[in-house]
Amino acid sequence: MPTRPALSLVAAEPDQVPRLRAFRERYPHIVIGTLGLGGAWQARIPEERGETVLTRYLLRDLLDKVGEVLADPP
């Protein structure tokens, strides 16, 4: 099983930890991680011919945008 970034990286957004966990359970094929300590969050969404990569500074904003792309309510 692939390793996941430590959830301690979301110290500034503790309310997003349960949301991130639920998202990862629902969409195990989508990779969400950070671009280093204090860096931006990034999601890689696999597609038939490549992938979509989304980057946001806040986890909340990233999860909102991924939800929009997937047409999935928050």
Protein backbone atom coordinates (compact mmCIF):
# COMPACT_ATOMS: atom_id res chain seq x y z
CA MET A 1 0.00 0.00 0.00
CA PRO A 2 1.43 3.41 -0.92
CA THR A 3 2.43 5.73 1.89
CA ARG A 4 0.48 8.89 2.48
CA PRO A 5 1.75 12.28 3.68
CA ALA A 6 1.43 12.70 7.42
CA LEU A 7 -1.82 14.31 8.41
CA SER A 8 0.14 16.50 10.82
CA LEU A 9 0.90 18.66 7.78
CA VAL A 10 -2.62 20.06 8.02
CA ALA A 11 -2.10 21.67 11.42
CA ALA A 12 -3.44 24.98 10.08
CA GLU A 13 -6.63 23.26 8.88
CA PRO A 14 -7.48 20.56 11.47
CA ASP A 15 -11.11 20.53 10.34
CA GLN A 16 -9.95 19.21 6.96
CA VAL A 17 -8.30 16.05 8.35
CA PRO A 18 -11.57 14.04 8.51
CA ARG A 19 -12.48 15.35 5.07
CA LEU A 20 -9.13 14.26 3.61
CA ARG A 21 -9.44 10.81 5.18
CA ALA A 22 -12.96 10.36 3.81
CA PHE A 23 -11.83 11.56 0.38
CA ARG A 24 -8.94 9.09 0.30
CA GLU A 25 -11.26 6.24 1.24
CA ARG A 26 -13.74 7.19 -1.49
CA TYR A 27 -11.14 7.89 -4.20
CA PRO A 28 -8.04 5.75 -3.53
CA HIS A 29 -6.86 6.25 -7.13
CA ILE A 30 -6.43 10.02 -6.64
CA VAL A 31 -3.14 11.00 -5.04
CA ILE A 32 -3.13 14.00 -2.71
CA GLY A 33 0.04 15.28 -1.10
CA THR A 34 2.13 18.34 -0.40
CA LEU A 35 4.96 19.95 -2.29
CA GLY A 36 7.22 20.01 0.77
CA LEU A 37 6.86 21.34 4.28
CA GLY A 38 4.72 24.45 4.25
CA GLY A 39 4.22 24.09 0.52
CA ALA A 40 1.15 23.80 -1.58
CA TRP A 41 -1.17 20.80 -1.79
CA GLN A 42 -1.46 18.88 -5.02
CA ALA A 43 -3.90 16.30 -6.40
CA ARG A 44 -3.20 13.95 -9.31
CA ILE A 45 -6.37 12.64 -10.94
CA PRO A 46 -5.68 9.77 -13.35
CA GLU A 47 -7.44 9.92 -16.70
CA GLU A 48 -7.61 7.65 -19.72
CA ARG A 49 -4.87 9.57 -21.52
CA GLY A 50 -2.76 11.04 -18.75
CA GLU A 51 -3.77 12.89 -15.63
CA THR A 52 -5.09 16.17 -14.30
CA VAL A 53 -2.92 17.90 -11.71
CA LEU A 54 -4.42 20.52 -9.41
CA THR A 55 -2.44 22.66 -6.97
CA ARG A 56 -3.72 24.90 -4.19
CA TYR A 57 -2.08 26.45 -1.13
CA LEU A 58 -4.85 25.35 1.24
CA LEU A 59 -6.09 21.80 1.57
CA ARG A 60 -9.68 23.06 1.83
CA ASP A 61 -9.33 24.84 -1.51
CA LEU A 62 -7.79 21.75 -3.13
CA LEU A 63 -10.52 19.42 -1.90
CA ASP A 64 -13.17 21.91 -3.06
CA LYS A 65 -11.61 22.11 -6.53
CA VAL A 66 -11.21 18.33 -6.86
CA GLY A 67 -14.87 18.01 -5.90
CA GLU A 68 -15.78 20.45 -8.68
CA VAL A 69 -13.70 18.56 -11.24
CA LEU A 70 -15.27 15.25 -10.19
CA ALA A 71 -18.74 16.87 -10.00
CA ASP A 72 -18.91 15.59 -6.42
CA PRO A 73 -20.50 17.65 -3.65
CA PRO A 74 -18.24 18.47 -0.66
